[in-house]
Amino acid sequence: MTEPTSSSTLDDSAYSEPRATGWVGWIMFAGTMMIMISFFHIIQGLVAILDDEYFLVTDNGLTVHLDYTVWGWTHLIGGFVVGAAGLSLFLGHMWARVIGVILAMLSALVNFAFIAAYPLWSVIVIALDVFVILALTMHGKEIKSF
């Protein structure tokens, strides 16, 4: 009986990290979009905090009846969290993908609740959130080998 040598018949590729494919671009896209979405949330939050007269409806006309200052702080804090998750996607961490999907879902829900105040802006951010969710759930393991 002979010992297996280093040129074993076992497929070593099953145990190694996946090779980078074209799907890495989707994760890079998702990270970039999350960073852009974070800037949108930060801008929207600052506007709501500093000038609540800017929006189309009063705070009573919102889907969720909250003061614009509360909405502003929600957008501002959420923007920083989404940006941090977007940056961590570039490192290829699985937790960043999971957090990214959760944050994109929350971002879409918050913008849906805010849609009466600024419809076009909210619809654009919701569409970007959907693309981020798509990109993060398609592939992502390949980014570590990029």
N, C-alpha and C. Protein backbone atom coordinates (compact mmCIF):
# COMPACT_ATOMS: atom_id res chain seq x y z
N MET A 1 0.83 -1.17 0.00
CA MET A 1 0.00 0.00 0.00
C MET A 1 0.89 1.24 0.00
N THR A 2 0.55 2.19 -0.79
CA THR A 2 1.38 3.39 -0.87
C THR A 2 0.64 4.57 -0.28
N GLU A 3 1.40 5.49 0.25
CA GLU A 3 0.87 6.72 0.81
C GLU A 3 0.54 7.69 -0.33
N PRO A 4 -0.52 8.44 -0.21
CA PRO A 4 -0.79 9.44 -1.25
C PRO A 4 0.27 10.54 -1.22
N THR A 5 0.68 10.97 -2.36
CA THR A 5 1.69 12.02 -2.46
C THR A 5 1.02 13.37 -2.58
N SER A 6 1.82 14.38 -2.77
CA SER A 6 1.27 15.72 -2.88
C SER A 6 0.40 15.88 -4.13
N SER A 7 0.61 15.02 -5.11
CA SER A 7 -0.24 15.08 -6.30
C SER A 7 -1.39 14.09 -6.14
N SER A 8 -2.11 14.27 -5.08
CA SER A 8 -3.23 13.40 -4.72
C SER A 8 -4.33 13.49 -5.77
N THR A 9 -5.12 12.44 -5.84
CA THR A 9 -6.22 12.44 -6.80
C THR A 9 -7.42 13.21 -6.28
N LEU A 10 -7.38 13.62 -5.02
CA LEU A 10 -8.48 14.41 -4.48
C LEU A 10 -8.48 15.79 -5.13
N ASP A 11 -9.63 16.32 -5.30
CA ASP A 11 -9.77 17.65 -5.88
C ASP A 11 -9.52 18.69 -4.81
N ASP A 12 -8.36 19.34 -4.86
CA ASP A 12 -8.01 20.34 -3.86
C ASP A 12 -8.81 21.62 -4.02
N SER A 13 -9.40 21.83 -5.20
CA SER A 13 -10.14 23.07 -5.42
C SER A 13 -11.41 23.14 -4.58
N ALA A 14 -11.88 22.00 -4.10
CA ALA A 14 -13.09 22.01 -3.27
C ALA A 14 -12.82 22.62 -1.91
N TYR A 15 -11.55 22.65 -1.49
CA TYR A 15 -11.20 23.17 -0.18
C TYR A 15 -10.57 24.55 -0.23
N SER A 16 -10.29 25.04 -1.40
CA SER A 16 -9.66 26.36 -1.52
C SER A 16 -10.74 27.42 -1.73
N GLU A 17 -10.31 28.66 -1.63
CA GLU A 17 -11.25 29.76 -1.86
C GLU A 17 -11.61 29.81 -3.34
N PRO A 18 -12.82 30.20 -3.65
CA PRO A 18 -13.22 30.26 -5.06
C PRO A 18 -12.41 31.30 -5.81
N ARG A 19 -12.23 31.05 -7.08
CA ARG A 19 -11.51 32.01 -7.92
C ARG A 19 -12.39 33.21 -8.21
N ALA A 20 -11.74 34.33 -8.42
CA ALA A 20 -12.49 35.55 -8.75
C ALA A 20 -13.12 35.39 -10.12
N THR A 21 -14.38 35.73 -10.21
CA THR A 21 -15.11 35.66 -11.48
C THR A 21 -15.69 37.03 -11.78
N GLY A 22 -16.47 37.09 -12.82
CA GLY A 22 -17.12 38.34 -13.18
C GLY A 22 -18.12 38.82 -12.14
N TRP A 23 -18.55 37.90 -11.26
CA TRP A 23 -19.52 38.27 -10.24
C TRP A 23 -18.92 39.16 -9.17
N VAL A 24 -17.60 39.24 -9.09
CA VAL A 24 -16.96 40.14 -8.14
C VAL A 24 -17.39 41.58 -8.40
N GLY A 25 -17.61 41.88 -9.66
CA GLY A 25 -18.06 43.21 -10.02
C GLY A 25 -19.39 43.57 -9.38
N TRP A 26 -20.27 42.58 -9.19
CA TRP A 26 -21.56 42.84 -8.55
C TRP A 26 -21.37 43.24 -7.09
N ILE A 27 -20.43 42.60 -6.41
CA ILE A 27 -20.18 42.95 -5.01
C ILE A 27 -19.54 44.33 -4.93
N MET A 28 -18.62 44.61 -5.85
CA MET A 28 -18.02 45.96 -5.89
C MET A 28 -19.11 47.00 -6.18
N PHE A 29 -20.02 46.65 -7.08
CA PHE A 29 -21.15 47.54 -7.38
C PHE A 29 -21.99 47.76 -6.13
N ALA A 30 -22.31 46.68 -5.41
CA ALA A 30 -23.13 46.79 -4.21
C ALA A 30 -22.44 47.66 -3.16
N GLY A 31 -21.14 47.47 -2.96
CA GLY A 31 -20.40 48.29 -2.00
C GLY A 31 -20.41 49.75 -2.39
N THR A 32 -20.20 50.01 -3.67
CA THR A 32 -20.20 51.39 -4.17
C THR A 32 -21.59 52.02 -4.02
N MET A 33 -22.63 51.26 -4.37
CA MET A 33 -24.00 51.78 -4.23
C MET A 33 -24.35 52.03 -2.77
N MET A 34 -23.89 51.16 -1.88
CA MET A 34 -24.18 51.37 -0.45
C MET A 34 -23.51 52.64 0.05
N ILE A 35 -22.31 52.91 -0.42
CA ILE A 35 -21.63 54.14 -0.03
C ILE A 35 -22.40 55.35 -0.58
N MET A 36 -22.85 55.24 -1.83
CA MET A 36 -23.63 56.33 -2.42
C MET A 36 -24.97 56.50 -1.69
N ILE A 37 -25.64 55.40 -1.37
CA ILE A 37 -26.89 55.47 -0.62
C ILE A 37 -26.67 56.10 0.74
N SER A 38 -25.51 55.81 1.34
CA SER A 38 -25.22 56.41 2.65
C SER A 38 -25.13 57.93 2.54
N PHE A 39 -24.52 58.42 1.46
CA PHE A 39 -24.47 59.87 1.26
C PHE A 39 -25.87 60.45 1.05
N PHE A 40 -26.72 59.71 0.31
CA PHE A 40 -28.10 60.18 0.13
C PHE A 40 -28.83 60.28 1.47
N HIS A 41 -28.66 59.26 2.31
CA HIS A 41 -29.31 59.29 3.62
C HIS A 41 -28.76 60.43 4.48
N ILE A 42 -27.47 60.64 4.43
CA ILE A 42 -26.86 61.71 5.23
C ILE A 42 -27.37 63.07 4.77
N ILE A 43 -27.42 63.28 3.46
CA ILE A 43 -27.94 64.55 2.93
C ILE A 43 -29.41 64.73 3.32
N GLN A 44 -30.20 63.67 3.14
CA GLN A 44 -31.62 63.74 3.48
C GLN A 44 -31.81 63.99 4.97
N GLY A 45 -30.96 63.38 5.80
CA GLY A 45 -31.04 63.58 7.23
C GLY A 45 -30.68 65.00 7.63
N LEU A 46 -29.62 65.53 7.04
CA LEU A 46 -29.22 66.91 7.36
C LEU A 46 -30.29 67.91 6.94
N VAL A 47 -30.89 67.70 5.77
CA VAL A 47 -31.96 68.60 5.32
C VAL A 47 -33.13 68.54 6.28
N ALA A 48 -33.51 67.33 6.70
CA ALA A 48 -34.65 67.19 7.61
C ALA A 48 -34.36 67.82 8.97
N ILE A 49 -33.12 67.76 9.42
CA ILE A 49 -32.76 68.33 10.72
C ILE A 49 -32.68 69.86 10.62
N LEU A 50 -32.06 70.36 9.56
CA LEU A 50 -31.78 71.79 9.47
C LEU A 50 -32.92 72.63 8.87
N ASP A 51 -33.72 72.04 7.97
CA ASP A 51 -34.77 72.82 7.30
C ASP A 51 -35.98 71.94 7.05
N ASP A 52 -36.84 71.80 8.04
CA ASP A 52 -38.00 70.93 7.88
C ASP A 52 -39.10 71.55 7.03
N GLU A 53 -38.93 72.79 6.62
CA GLU A 53 -39.87 73.44 5.71
C GLU A 53 -39.60 73.04 4.26
N TYR A 54 -38.52 72.35 4.00
CA TYR A 54 -38.08 72.00 2.65
C TYR A 54 -38.99 70.97 1.99
N PHE A 55 -39.59 70.09 2.75
CA PHE A 55 -40.30 68.94 2.20
C PHE A 55 -41.70 69.31 1.73
N LEU A 56 -42.26 68.45 0.87
CA LEU A 56 -43.53 68.73 0.22
C LEU A 56 -44.73 68.72 1.15
N VAL A 57 -44.68 67.92 2.20
CA VAL A 57 -45.82 67.80 3.10
C VAL A 57 -45.37 68.09 4.52
N THR A 58 -46.34 68.36 5.37
CA THR A 58 -46.02 68.54 6.79
C THR A 58 -45.75 67.17 7.39
N ASP A 59 -45.23 67.17 8.60
CA ASP A 59 -44.92 65.88 9.23
C ASP A 59 -46.17 65.05 9.49
N ASN A 60 -47.35 65.68 9.51
CA ASN A 60 -48.60 64.92 9.64
C ASN A 60 -48.96 64.16 8.37
N GLY A 61 -48.41 64.57 7.24
CA GLY A 61 -48.69 63.92 5.96
C GLY A 61 -47.80 62.73 5.67
N LEU A 62 -46.86 62.44 6.55
CA LEU A 62 -45.97 61.31 6.35
C LEU A 62 -46.70 59.99 6.63
N THR A 63 -46.18 58.91 6.08
CA THR A 63 -46.76 57.59 6.33
C THR A 63 -46.68 57.25 7.81
N VAL A 64 -45.53 57.52 8.41
CA VAL A 64 -45.34 57.34 9.84
C VAL A 64 -45.24 58.75 10.43
N HIS A 65 -46.14 59.08 11.33
CA HIS A 65 -46.21 60.45 11.85
C HIS A 65 -45.12 60.68 12.89
N LEU A 66 -44.00 61.20 12.40
CA LEU A 66 -42.89 61.59 13.26
C LEU A 66 -42.44 62.99 12.86
N ASP A 67 -41.84 63.66 13.78
CA ASP A 67 -41.28 64.97 13.52
C ASP A 67 -40.12 64.82 12.52
N TYR A 68 -39.92 65.83 11.68
CA TYR A 68 -38.83 65.76 10.70
C TYR A 68 -37.46 65.67 11.37
N THR A 69 -37.33 66.19 12.56
CA THR A 69 -36.05 66.07 13.26
C THR A 69 -35.76 64.60 13.58
N VAL A 70 -36.77 63.86 14.00
CA VAL A 70 -36.60 62.43 14.27
C VAL A 70 -36.25 61.70 12.98
N TRP A 71 -36.96 62.02 11.88
CA TRP A 71 -36.63 61.41 10.59
C TRP A 71 -35.21 61.77 10.18
N GLY A 72 -34.82 63.00 10.43
CA GLY A 72 -33.48 63.44 10.07
C GLY A 72 -32.40 62.64 10.78
N TRP A 73 -32.57 62.46 12.08
CA TRP A 73 -31.59 61.68 12.84
C TRP A 73 -31.60 60.22 12.42
N THR A 74 -32.78 59.69 12.08
CA THR A 74 -32.86 58.32 11.59
C THR A 74 -32.08 58.16 10.29
N HIS A 75 -32.27 59.09 9.37
CA HIS A 75 -31.54 59.04 8.10
C HIS A 75 -30.04 59.26 8.31
N LEU A 76 -29.68 60.17 9.18
CA LEU A 76 -28.27 60.47 9.40
C LEU A 76 -27.52 59.28 10.00
N ILE A 77 -28.05 58.71 11.04
CA ILE A 77 -27.40 57.55 11.68
C ILE A 77 -27.40 56.36 10.73
N GLY A 78 -28.56 56.14 10.08
CA GLY A 78 -28.63 55.03 9.11
C GLY A 78 -27.64 55.21 7.97
N GLY A 79 -27.43 56.44 7.54
CA GLY A 79 -26.47 56.70 6.47
C GLY A 79 -25.06 56.31 6.85
N PHE A 80 -24.66 56.62 8.07
CA PHE A 80 -23.31 56.24 8.51
C PHE A 80 -23.16 54.74 8.63
N VAL A 81 -24.20 54.06 9.10
CA VAL A 81 -24.14 52.60 9.25
C VAL A 81 -24.08 51.93 7.88
N VAL A 82 -24.90 52.39 6.93
CA VAL A 82 -24.89 51.83 5.57
C VAL A 82 -23.53 52.07 4.91
N GLY A 83 -22.95 53.23 5.11
CA GLY A 83 -21.63 53.52 4.55
C GLY A 83 -20.54 52.61 5.10
N ALA A 84 -20.58 52.37 6.40
CA ALA A 84 -19.59 51.48 7.01
C ALA A 84 -19.73 50.05 6.48
N ALA A 85 -20.96 49.59 6.32
CA ALA A 85 -21.18 48.24 5.76
C ALA A 85 -20.73 48.18 4.31
N GLY A 86 -20.97 49.25 3.56
CA GLY A 86 -20.53 49.29 2.17
C GLY A 86 -19.02 49.22 2.05
N LEU A 87 -18.32 49.93 2.92
CA LEU A 87 -16.86 49.86 2.90
C LEU A 87 -16.35 48.48 3.28
N SER A 88 -17.01 47.83 4.22
CA SER A 88 -16.55 46.50 4.65
C SER A 88 -16.84 45.43 3.60
N LEU A 89 -17.72 45.69 2.66
CA LEU A 89 -17.95 44.74 1.56
C LEU A 89 -16.71 44.55 0.71
N PHE A 90 -15.92 45.61 0.58
CA PHE A 90 -14.71 45.51 -0.23
C PHE A 90 -13.68 44.56 0.37
N LEU A 91 -13.81 44.24 1.64
CA LEU A 91 -12.90 43.30 2.30
C LEU A 91 -13.35 41.85 2.14
N GLY A 92 -14.56 41.64 1.64
CA GLY A 92 -15.04 40.30 1.36
C GLY A 92 -15.59 39.54 2.54
N HIS A 93 -15.97 40.23 3.58
CA HIS A 93 -16.52 39.55 4.75
C HIS A 93 -17.97 39.13 4.51
N MET A 94 -18.27 37.89 4.90
CA MET A 94 -19.63 37.38 4.75
C MET A 94 -20.61 38.19 5.60
N TRP A 95 -20.20 38.57 6.81
CA TRP A 95 -21.09 39.33 7.68
C TRP A 95 -21.46 40.66 7.03
N ALA A 96 -20.55 41.23 6.24
CA ALA A 96 -20.84 42.50 5.57
C ALA A 96 -21.94 42.32 4.53
N ARG A 97 -21.95 41.16 3.86
CA ARG A 97 -23.02 40.90 2.89
C ARG A 97 -24.36 40.74 3.59
N VAL A 98 -24.38 40.02 4.69
CA VAL A 98 -25.63 39.81 5.43
C VAL A 98 -26.14 41.15 5.97
N ILE A 99 -25.26 41.90 6.61
CA ILE A 99 -25.64 43.21 7.13
C ILE A 99 -26.06 44.14 5.99
N GLY A 100 -25.37 44.05 4.85
CA GLY A 100 -25.72 44.87 3.70
C GLY A 100 -27.14 44.62 3.21
N VAL A 101 -27.53 43.35 3.15
CA VAL A 101 -28.90 43.02 2.72
C VAL A 101 -29.91 43.55 3.73
N ILE A 102 -29.63 43.35 5.01
CA ILE A 102 -30.55 43.83 6.05
C ILE A 102 -30.67 45.35 6.01
N LEU A 103 -29.54 46.03 5.87
CA LEU A 103 -29.57 47.50 5.83
C LEU A 103 -30.25 48.02 4.58
N ALA A 104 -30.06 47.34 3.46
CA ALA A 104 -30.73 47.77 2.22
C ALA A 104 -32.24 47.60 2.35
N MET A 105 -32.67 46.52 3.00
CA MET A 105 -34.11 46.34 3.24
C MET A 105 -34.64 47.44 4.16
N LEU A 106 -33.92 47.73 5.23
CA LEU A 106 -34.35 48.79 6.14
C LEU A 106 -34.35 50.15 5.47
N SER A 107 -33.34 50.39 4.63
CA SER A 107 -33.27 51.65 3.90
C SER A 107 -34.47 51.80 2.97
N ALA A 108 -34.86 50.73 2.29
CA ALA A 108 -36.02 50.78 1.41
C ALA A 108 -37.30 51.04 2.21
N LEU A 109 -37.43 50.40 3.37
CA LEU A 109 -38.61 50.62 4.20
C LEU A 109 -38.68 52.05 4.73
N VAL A 110 -37.55 52.57 5.19
CA VAL A 110 -37.52 53.94 5.70
C VAL A 110 -37.88 54.92 4.59
N ASN A 111 -37.33 54.70 3.39
CA ASN A 111 -37.65 55.60 2.29
C ASN A 111 -39.08 55.46 1.82
N PHE A 112 -39.65 54.27 1.95
CA PHE A 112 -41.07 54.11 1.63
C PHE A 112 -41.93 54.90 2.60
N ALA A 113 -41.56 54.87 3.87
CA ALA A 113 -42.30 55.63 4.87
C ALA A 113 -42.12 57.14 4.66
N PHE A 114 -41.01 57.54 4.04
CA PHE A 114 -40.68 58.95 3.82
C PHE A 114 -41.13 59.42 2.43
N ILE A 115 -41.79 58.56 1.65
CA ILE A 115 -42.08 58.83 0.25
C ILE A 115 -43.00 60.04 0.04
N ALA A 116 -43.89 60.30 0.98
CA ALA A 116 -44.80 61.45 0.83
C ALA A 116 -44.06 62.78 0.93
N ALA A 117 -42.97 62.80 1.67
CA ALA A 117 -42.24 64.05 1.86
C ALA A 117 -41.39 64.40 0.64
N TYR A 118 -40.80 63.41 0.01
CA TYR A 118 -39.91 63.67 -1.13
C TYR A 118 -39.95 62.47 -2.05
N PRO A 119 -40.98 62.37 -2.90
CA PRO A 119 -41.24 61.14 -3.65
C PRO A 119 -40.12 60.70 -4.60
N LEU A 120 -39.62 61.59 -5.43
CA LEU A 120 -38.62 61.20 -6.42
C LEU A 120 -37.35 60.68 -5.76
N TRP A 121 -36.87 61.41 -4.78
CA TRP A 121 -35.66 61.01 -4.05
C TRP A 121 -35.86 59.64 -3.41
N SER A 122 -36.98 59.43 -2.77
CA SER A 122 -37.25 58.17 -2.09
C SER A 122 -37.33 57.01 -3.07
N VAL A 123 -37.97 57.21 -4.22
CA VAL A 123 -38.08 56.15 -5.22
C VAL A 123 -36.70 55.79 -5.77
N ILE A 124 -35.86 56.78 -6.00
CA ILE A 124 -34.49 56.50 -6.49
C ILE A 124 -33.72 55.67 -5.48
N VAL A 125 -33.78 56.04 -4.21
CA VAL A 125 -33.05 55.30 -3.18
C VAL A 125 -33.62 53.88 -3.02
N ILE A 126 -34.93 53.73 -3.11
CA ILE A 126 -35.53 52.39 -3.04
C ILE A 126 -35.03 51.53 -4.20
N ALA A 127 -34.97 52.09 -5.40
CA ALA A 127 -34.47 51.33 -6.56
C ALA A 127 -33.01 50.92 -6.36
N LEU A 128 -32.20 51.82 -5.84
CA LEU A 128 -30.79 51.47 -5.57
C LEU A 128 -30.70 50.38 -4.51
N ASP A 129 -31.57 50.44 -3.50
CA ASP A 129 -31.59 49.40 -2.47
C ASP A 129 -31.90 48.03 -3.08
N VAL A 130 -32.84 48.00 -4.01
CA VAL A 130 -33.19 46.73 -4.66
C VAL A 130 -31.99 46.18 -5.44
N PHE A 131 -31.27 47.03 -6.15
CA PHE A 131 -30.08 46.58 -6.87
C PHE A 131 -28.99 46.07 -5.92
N VAL A 132 -28.84 46.72 -4.79
CA VAL A 132 -27.87 46.27 -3.79
C VAL A 132 -28.25 44.88 -3.27
N ILE A 133 -29.52 44.68 -2.96
CA ILE A 133 -29.97 43.37 -2.47
C ILE A 133 -29.72 42.31 -3.53
N LEU A 134 -30.03 42.62 -4.78
CA LEU A 134 -29.77 41.69 -5.87
C LEU A 134 -28.29 41.33 -5.95
N ALA A 135 -27.44 42.34 -5.93
CA ALA A 135 -26.00 42.10 -6.06
C ALA A 135 -25.45 41.29 -4.90
N LEU A 136 -25.91 41.56 -3.69
CA LEU A 136 -25.36 40.88 -2.53
C LEU A 136 -25.86 39.45 -2.38
N THR A 137 -27.02 39.15 -2.92
CA THR A 137 -27.55 37.80 -2.77
C THR A 137 -27.16 36.89 -3.93
N MET A 138 -26.68 37.43 -5.02
CA MET A 138 -26.29 36.61 -6.18
C MET A 138 -25.02 35.82 -5.89
N HIS A 139 -23.93 36.51 -5.64
CA HIS A 139 -22.63 35.89 -5.41
C HIS A 139 -21.87 36.78 -4.44
N GLY A 140 -20.72 36.32 -4.04
CA GLY A 140 -19.93 37.16 -3.15
C GLY A 140 -18.71 36.49 -2.57
N LYS A 141 -18.69 35.16 -2.54
CA LYS A 141 -17.53 34.49 -1.98
C LYS A 141 -16.27 34.78 -2.76
N GLU A 142 -16.43 35.08 -4.05
CA GLU A 142 -15.28 35.28 -4.92
C GLU A 142 -14.49 36.54 -4.58
N ILE A 143 -15.07 37.47 -3.86
CA ILE A 143 -14.40 38.74 -3.60
C ILE A 143 -13.15 38.57 -2.75
N LYS A 144 -13.12 37.54 -1.90
CA LYS A 144 -11.93 37.32 -1.07
C LYS A 144 -10.70 37.00 -1.89
N SER A 145 -10.90 36.38 -3.03
CA SER A 145 -9.74 36.01 -3.86
C SER A 145 -9.41 37.07 -4.89
N PHE A 146 -10.12 38.17 -4.88
CA PHE A 146 -9.91 39.25 -5.86
C PHE A 146 -8.69 40.05 -5.52
